[in-house]
Amino acid sequence: MKKSELRQKYKTLRQNLSESQIEDYSLKIANQLLQLDIWNKSFYHIFLTIEEQKEINTEYILNILAGKDKNIVISKSNFSDCSMTHFLLTDNTKIRKNRYNIPEPIDGIEILPSQIDVVLVPLLAFDKVGNRIGYGKGFYDRFLTNCTPETLKIGLSFFEPEKEISYSDQNDVTLDYCVIPNKIYAF
């Protein structure tokens, strides 16, 4: 299946999920994350949920990170060059949805990609070797390329992996793990 076909398949699968399924799966994913040996790090990058896309509710993970007193990093997208700027999430951070309904910080304390230890990566689909498909603009591939080689890249998905995602190009960054409601895949 081509990337565009896989994107459409998983967008449709997500749209068919009920609100209660999304909440249930999101909580299970957060609980699965607790099983990983990642909690001795300092800076954790997380995406804020685009509800209109029926993404994983990351509130549960945000609560875990806050409870463990971790530095939480969120991003603001620049659609002119498909880049992201990263900011520390604090009590003073003001969040606003952009024109694509992505919740973003207005401004704040900037964090460099090289400072980030763990990135929780949104995706539409992934395969059994850690390839992922996002929305197709390459924001996360550009971002992850600027992180250190030691930065852990953890995908979050409601669904099981595809056997193989072909058509990967050299700009695609693979995952170290992907967490689904009932399992953790290590690559």
C-alpha atoms as a PDB file:
ATOM      1  CA  MET A   1       0.000   0.000   0.000  1.00  0.00           C
ATOM      2  CA  LYS A   2       1.286   3.495  -0.823  1.00  0.00           C
ATOM      3  CA  LYS A   3       1.818   6.080   1.902  1.00  0.00           C
ATOM      4  CA  SER A   4      -1.173   8.097   0.706  1.00  0.00           C
ATOM      5  CA  GLU A   5      -3.390   4.999   0.856  1.00  0.00           C
ATOM      6  CA  LEU A   6      -2.137   4.156   4.344  1.00  0.00           C
ATOM      7  CA  ARG A   7      -2.782   7.728   5.501  1.00  0.00           C
ATOM      8  CA  GLN A   8      -6.356   7.512   4.280  1.00  0.00           C
ATOM      9  CA  LYS A   9      -6.861   4.032   5.789  1.00  0.00           C
ATOM     10  CA  TYR A  10      -5.726   5.136   9.265  1.00  0.00           C
ATOM     11  CA  LYS A  11      -7.537   8.469   9.172  1.00  0.00           C
ATOM     12  CA  THR A  12     -10.718   6.514   8.435  1.00  0.00           C
ATOM     13  CA  LEU A  13     -10.004   3.988  11.196  1.00  0.00           C
ATOM     14  CA  ARG A  14      -9.523   6.851  13.650  1.00  0.00           C
ATOM     15  CA  GLN A  15     -12.696   8.615  12.566  1.00  0.00           C
ATOM     16  CA  ASN A  16     -14.603   5.408  13.309  1.00  0.00           C
ATOM     17  CA  LEU A  17     -13.438   5.378  16.941  1.00  0.00           C
ATOM     18  CA  SER A  18     -15.907   6.575  19.551  1.00  0.00           C
ATOM     19  CA  GLU A  19     -14.936   9.158  22.167  1.00  0.00           C
ATOM     20  CA  SER A  20     -15.007   6.467  24.862  1.00  0.00           C
ATOM     21  CA  GLN A  21     -12.704   4.215  22.794  1.00  0.00           C
ATOM     22  CA  ILE A  22     -10.249   7.100  22.314  1.00  0.00           C
ATOM     23  CA  GLU A  23     -10.217   7.793  26.056  1.00  0.00           C
ATOM     24  CA  ASP A  24      -9.846   4.096  26.937  1.00  0.00           C
ATOM     25  CA  TYR A  25      -7.030   3.498  24.419  1.00  0.00           C
ATOM     26  CA  SER A  26      -5.276   6.741  25.402  1.00  0.00           C
ATOM     27  CA  LEU A  27      -5.251   5.749  29.078  1.00  0.00           C
ATOM     28  CA  LYS A  28      -3.940   2.274  28.198  1.00  0.00           C
ATOM     29  CA  ILE A  29      -1.160   3.801  26.084  1.00  0.00           C
ATOM     30  CA  ALA A  30      -0.164   6.078  28.979  1.00  0.00           C
ATOM     31  CA  ASN A  31      -0.070   3.065  31.310  1.00  0.00           C
ATOM     32  CA  GLN A  32       2.019   1.089  28.797  1.00  0.00           C
ATOM     33  CA  LEU A  33       4.502   3.971  28.667  1.00  0.00           C
ATOM     34  CA  LEU A  34       5.101   3.514  32.390  1.00  0.00           C
ATOM     35  CA  GLN A  35       6.598   0.082  31.585  1.00  0.00           C
ATOM     36  CA  LEU A  36       9.432   1.615  29.544  1.00  0.00           C
ATOM     37  CA  ASP A  37      12.767   2.420  31.157  1.00  0.00           C
ATOM     38  CA  ILE A  38      12.652   6.102  30.145  1.00  0.00           C
ATOM     39  CA  TRP A  39      11.821   7.866  33.395  1.00  0.00           C
ATOM     40  CA  ASN A  40      15.359   8.850  34.398  1.00  0.00           C
ATOM     41  CA  LYS A  41      15.533  11.505  31.651  1.00  0.00           C
ATOM     42  CA  SER A  42      14.925  15.254  31.985  1.00  0.00           C
ATOM     43  CA  PHE A  43      13.344  16.734  28.823  1.00  0.00           C
ATOM     44  CA  TYR A  44      10.278  15.057  27.283  1.00  0.00           C
ATOM     45  CA  HIS A  45       8.743  16.380  24.076  1.00  0.00           C
ATOM     46  CA  ILE A  46       5.045  15.651  23.635  1.00  0.00           C
ATOM     47  CA  PHE A  47       2.444  16.643  21.081  1.00  0.00           C
ATOM     48  CA  LEU A  48      -0.794  18.247  22.164  1.00  0.00           C
ATOM     49  CA  THR A  49      -3.878  16.419  20.903  1.00  0.00           C
ATOM     50  CA  ILE A  50      -5.621  17.570  17.740  1.00  0.00           C
ATOM     51  CA  GLU A  51      -9.127  16.514  18.787  1.00  0.00           C
ATOM     52  CA  GLU A  52     -10.540  17.063  15.289  1.00  0.00           C
ATOM     53  CA  GLN A  53      -8.108  14.404  13.985  1.00  0.00           C
ATOM     54  CA  LYS A  54      -9.135  11.998  16.762  1.00  0.00           C
ATOM     55  CA  GLU A  55      -5.548  11.768  17.974  1.00  0.00           C
ATOM     56  CA  ILE A  56      -4.465  10.084  21.179  1.00  0.00           C
ATOM     57  CA  ASN A  57      -5.454  12.130  24.216  1.00  0.00           C
ATOM     58  CA  THR A  58      -2.032  13.073  25.587  1.00  0.00           C
ATOM     59  CA  GLU A  59      -3.488  14.588  28.804  1.00  0.00           C
ATOM     60  CA  TYR A  60      -2.847  11.290  30.605  1.00  0.00           C
ATOM     61  CA  ILE A  61       0.824  11.345  29.615  1.00  0.00           C
ATOM     62  CA  LEU A  62       1.112  15.040  30.477  1.00  0.00           C
ATOM     63  CA  ASN A  63      -0.181  14.202  33.973  1.00  0.00           C
ATOM     64  CA  ILE A  64       2.412  11.429  34.363  1.00  0.00           C
ATOM     65  CA  LEU A  65       5.212  13.760  33.256  1.00  0.00           C
ATOM     66  CA  ALA A  66       4.053  16.532  35.590  1.00  0.00           C
ATOM     67  CA  GLY A  67       3.697  14.042  38.459  1.00  0.00           C
ATOM     68  CA  LYS A  68       7.278  12.895  37.894  1.00  0.00           C
ATOM     69  CA  ASP A  69       8.403  16.542  37.804  1.00  0.00           C
ATOM     70  CA  LYS A  70       9.813  16.287  34.267  1.00  0.00           C
ATOM     71  CA  ASN A  71      10.533  19.148  31.874  1.00  0.00           C
ATOM     72  CA  ILE A  72       7.736  19.029  29.308  1.00  0.00           C
ATOM     73  CA  VAL A  73       8.424  20.433  25.859  1.00  0.00           C
ATOM     74  CA  ILE A  74       5.758  21.304  23.267  1.00  0.00           C
ATOM     75  CA  SER A  75       6.072  22.755  19.773  1.00  0.00           C
ATOM     76  CA  LYS A  76       4.851  25.517  17.550  1.00  0.00           C
ATOM     77  CA  SER A  77       4.707  24.794  13.811  1.00  0.00           C
ATOM     78  CA  ASN A  78       5.968  27.039  11.045  1.00  0.00           C
ATOM     79  CA  PHE A  79       4.070  26.067   7.909  1.00  0.00           C
ATOM     80  CA  SER A  80       6.196  28.196   5.575  1.00  0.00           C
ATOM     81  CA  ASP A  81       9.201  25.896   6.012  1.00  0.00           C
ATOM     82  CA  CYS A  82       7.618  22.901   7.823  1.00  0.00           C
ATOM     83  CA  SER A  83       9.788  23.428  10.903  1.00  0.00           C
ATOM     84  CA  MET A  84       8.945  23.499  14.588  1.00  0.00           C
ATOM     85  CA  THR A  85      10.110  25.657  17.475  1.00  0.00           C
ATOM     86  CA  HIS A  86      10.061  23.988  20.876  1.00  0.00           C
ATOM     87  CA  PHE A  87       9.049  25.561  24.171  1.00  0.00           C
ATOM     88  CA  LEU A  88       9.075  24.505  27.799  1.00  0.00           C
ATOM     89  CA  LEU A  89       5.531  23.975  29.080  1.00  0.00           C
ATOM     90  CA  THR A  90       5.092  25.995  32.284  1.00  0.00           C
ATOM     91  CA  ASP A  91       2.172  27.246  34.357  1.00  0.00           C
ATOM     92  CA  ASN A  92       2.426  30.513  32.400  1.00  0.00           C
ATOM     93  CA  THR A  93       2.327  28.952  28.932  1.00  0.00           C
ATOM     94  CA  LYS A  94      -0.594  30.196  26.856  1.00  0.00           C
ATOM     95  CA  ILE A  95      -1.921  27.672  24.338  1.00  0.00           C
ATOM     96  CA  ARG A  96      -3.889  28.610  21.231  1.00  0.00           C
ATOM     97  CA  LYS A  97      -5.082  26.490  18.306  1.00  0.00           C
ATOM     98  CA  ASN A  98      -3.597  27.445  14.950  1.00  0.00           C
ATOM     99  CA  ARG A  99      -5.583  27.436  11.693  1.00  0.00           C
ATOM    100  CA  TYR A 100      -5.106  23.643  11.446  1.00  0.00           C
ATOM    101  CA  ASN A 101      -6.535  23.133  14.970  1.00  0.00           C
ATOM    102  CA  ILE A 102      -3.113  22.251  16.376  1.00  0.00           C
ATOM    103  CA  PRO A 103      -2.848  23.466  19.981  1.00  0.00           C
ATOM    104  CA  GLU A 104       0.408  25.419  20.261  1.00  0.00           C
ATOM    105  CA  PRO A 105       2.231  27.650  22.720  1.00  0.00           C
ATOM    106  CA  ILE A 106       2.115  31.327  21.817  1.00  0.00           C
ATOM    107  CA  ASP A 107       5.693  31.809  23.071  1.00  0.00           C
ATOM    108  CA  GLY A 108       7.857  30.868  26.026  1.00  0.00           C
ATOM    109  CA  ILE A 109      11.245  29.498  26.980  1.00  0.00           C
ATOM    110  CA  GLU A 110      12.763  27.998  23.847  1.00  0.00           C
ATOM    111  CA  ILE A 111      14.312  24.520  24.083  1.00  0.00           C
ATOM    112  CA  LEU A 112      16.750  23.246  21.452  1.00  0.00           C
ATOM    113  CA  PRO A 113      16.178  19.805  19.877  1.00  0.00           C
ATOM    114  CA  SER A 114      19.615  18.767  21.186  1.00  0.00           C
ATOM    115  CA  GLN A 115      18.341  19.234  24.769  1.00  0.00           C
ATOM    116  CA  ILE A 116      15.432  16.808  24.367  1.00  0.00           C
ATOM    117  CA  ASP A 117      15.865  13.287  25.745  1.00  0.00           C
ATOM    118  CA  VAL A 118      12.568  11.645  24.739  1.00  0.00           C
ATOM    119  CA  VAL A 119      10.177  12.517  21.910  1.00  0.00           C
ATOM    120  CA  LEU A 120       6.642  11.132  21.930  1.00  0.00           C
ATOM    121  CA  VAL A 121       5.828  11.048  18.239  1.00  0.00           C
ATOM    122  CA  PRO A 122       2.358  11.320  16.693  1.00  0.00           C
ATOM    123  CA  LEU A 123       1.683   9.092  13.721  1.00  0.00           C
ATOM    124  CA  LEU A 124      -1.020   7.631  11.552  1.00  0.00           C
ATOM    125  CA  ALA A 125       0.627   4.240  10.925  1.00  0.00           C
ATOM    126  CA  PHE A 126       3.843   2.360  11.674  1.00  0.00           C
ATOM    127  CA  ASP A 127       5.396  -0.952  10.670  1.00  0.00           C
ATOM    128  CA  LYS A 128       7.203  -3.794  12.415  1.00  0.00           C
ATOM    129  CA  VAL A 129      10.657  -2.246  11.917  1.00  0.00           C
ATOM    130  CA  GLY A 130       9.884   1.256  13.200  1.00  0.00           C
ATOM    131  CA  ASN A 131       8.994   3.152  10.033  1.00  0.00           C
ATOM    132  CA  ARG A 132       6.150   5.614  10.553  1.00  0.00           C
ATOM    133  CA  ILE A 133       3.714   7.623   8.516  1.00  0.00           C
ATOM    134  CA  GLY A 134       2.582  11.023   9.720  1.00  0.00           C
ATOM    135  CA  TYR A 135       0.427  13.602   8.005  1.00  0.00           C
ATOM    136  CA  GLY A 136       2.953  14.016   5.185  1.00  0.00           C
ATOM    137  CA  LYS A 137       4.548  17.425   5.735  1.00  0.00           C
ATOM    138  CA  GLY A 138       7.748  16.081   7.338  1.00  0.00           C
ATOM    139  CA  PHE A 139       7.629  18.264  10.468  1.00  0.00           C
ATOM    140  CA  TYR A 140       8.702  15.453  12.789  1.00  0.00           C
ATOM    141  CA  ASP A 141      11.321  14.010  10.432  1.00  0.00           C
ATOM    142  CA  ARG A 142      13.000  17.441  10.245  1.00  0.00           C
ATOM    143  CA  PHE A 143      12.746  17.854  14.023  1.00  0.00           C
ATOM    144  CA  LEU A 144      14.048  14.360  14.869  1.00  0.00           C
ATOM    145  CA  THR A 145      17.020  14.829  12.532  1.00  0.00           C
ATOM    146  CA  ASN A 146      18.108  17.747  14.758  1.00  0.00           C
ATOM    147  CA  CYS A 147      17.893  15.729  17.982  1.00  0.00           C
ATOM    148  CA  THR A 148      20.906  13.829  19.303  1.00  0.00           C
ATOM    149  CA  PRO A 149      21.418  10.179  18.285  1.00  0.00           C
ATOM    150  CA  GLU A 150      20.631   9.261  21.928  1.00  0.00           C
ATOM    151  CA  THR A 151      17.202  10.906  21.868  1.00  0.00           C
ATOM    152  CA  LEU A 152      14.528   8.217  22.245  1.00  0.00           C
ATOM    153  CA  LYS A 153      11.781   8.342  19.624  1.00  0.00           C
ATOM    154  CA  ILE A 154       8.559   6.738  20.835  1.00  0.00           C
ATOM    155  CA  GLY A 155       5.545   6.517  18.547  1.00  0.00           C
ATOM    156  CA  LEU A 156       2.025   6.392  19.974  1.00  0.00           C
ATOM    157  CA  SER A 157      -0.700   4.571  18.070  1.00  0.00           C
ATOM    158  CA  PHE A 158      -4.181   3.186  18.581  1.00  0.00           C
ATOM    159  CA  PHE A 159      -3.528   0.427  16.035  1.00  0.00           C
ATOM    160  CA  GLU A 160      -1.304  -2.590  15.387  1.00  0.00           C
ATOM    161  CA  PRO A 161       1.621  -2.160  12.956  1.00  0.00           C
ATOM    162  CA  GLU A 162       1.533  -2.734   9.249  1.00  0.00           C
ATOM    163  CA  LYS A 163       3.783  -5.585   8.134  1.00  0.00           C
ATOM    164  CA  GLU A 164       5.892  -3.177   6.090  1.00  0.00           C
ATOM    165  CA  ILE A 165       5.726   0.426   4.981  1.00  0.00           C
ATOM    166  CA  SER A 166       7.539   0.666   1.705  1.00  0.00           C
ATOM    167  CA  TYR A 167       8.366   3.896  -0.088  1.00  0.00           C
ATOM    168  CA  SER A 168      10.418   5.229   2.830  1.00  0.00           C
ATOM    169  CA  ASP A 169      12.932   7.850   1.793  1.00  0.00           C
ATOM    170  CA  GLN A 170      16.235   8.942   3.304  1.00  0.00           C
ATOM    171  CA  ASN A 171      14.545  11.771   5.240  1.00  0.00           C
ATOM    172  CA  ASP A 172      12.303   9.379   7.166  1.00  0.00           C
ATOM    173  CA  VAL A 173      13.422   8.892  10.769  1.00  0.00           C
ATOM    174  CA  THR A 174      12.592   5.532  12.340  1.00  0.00           C
ATOM    175  CA  LEU A 175      11.218   5.008  15.839  1.00  0.00           C
ATOM    176  CA  ASP A 176      12.942   3.311  18.777  1.00  0.00           C
ATOM    177  CA  TYR A 177       9.596   2.167  20.217  1.00  0.00           C
ATOM    178  CA  CYS A 178       5.916   2.354  19.427  1.00  0.00           C
ATOM    179  CA  VAL A 179       3.316   2.046  22.153  1.00  0.00           C
ATOM    180  CA  ILE A 180      -0.189   0.806  21.443  1.00  0.00           C
ATOM    181  CA  PRO A 181      -2.944   0.126  24.015  1.00  0.00           C
ATOM    182  CA  ASN A 182      -1.938  -3.466  24.708  1.00  0.00           C
ATOM    183  CA  LYS A 183       1.722  -3.717  23.699  1.00  0.00           C
ATOM    184  CA  ILE A 184       5.090  -2.005  23.304  1.00  0.00           C
ATOM    185  CA  TYR A 185       7.074  -2.563  20.109  1.00  0.00           C
ATOM    186  CA  ALA A 186      10.861  -2.138  20.341  1.00  0.00           C
ATOM    187  CA  PHE A 187      12.892  -1.618  17.166  1.00  0.00           C
END
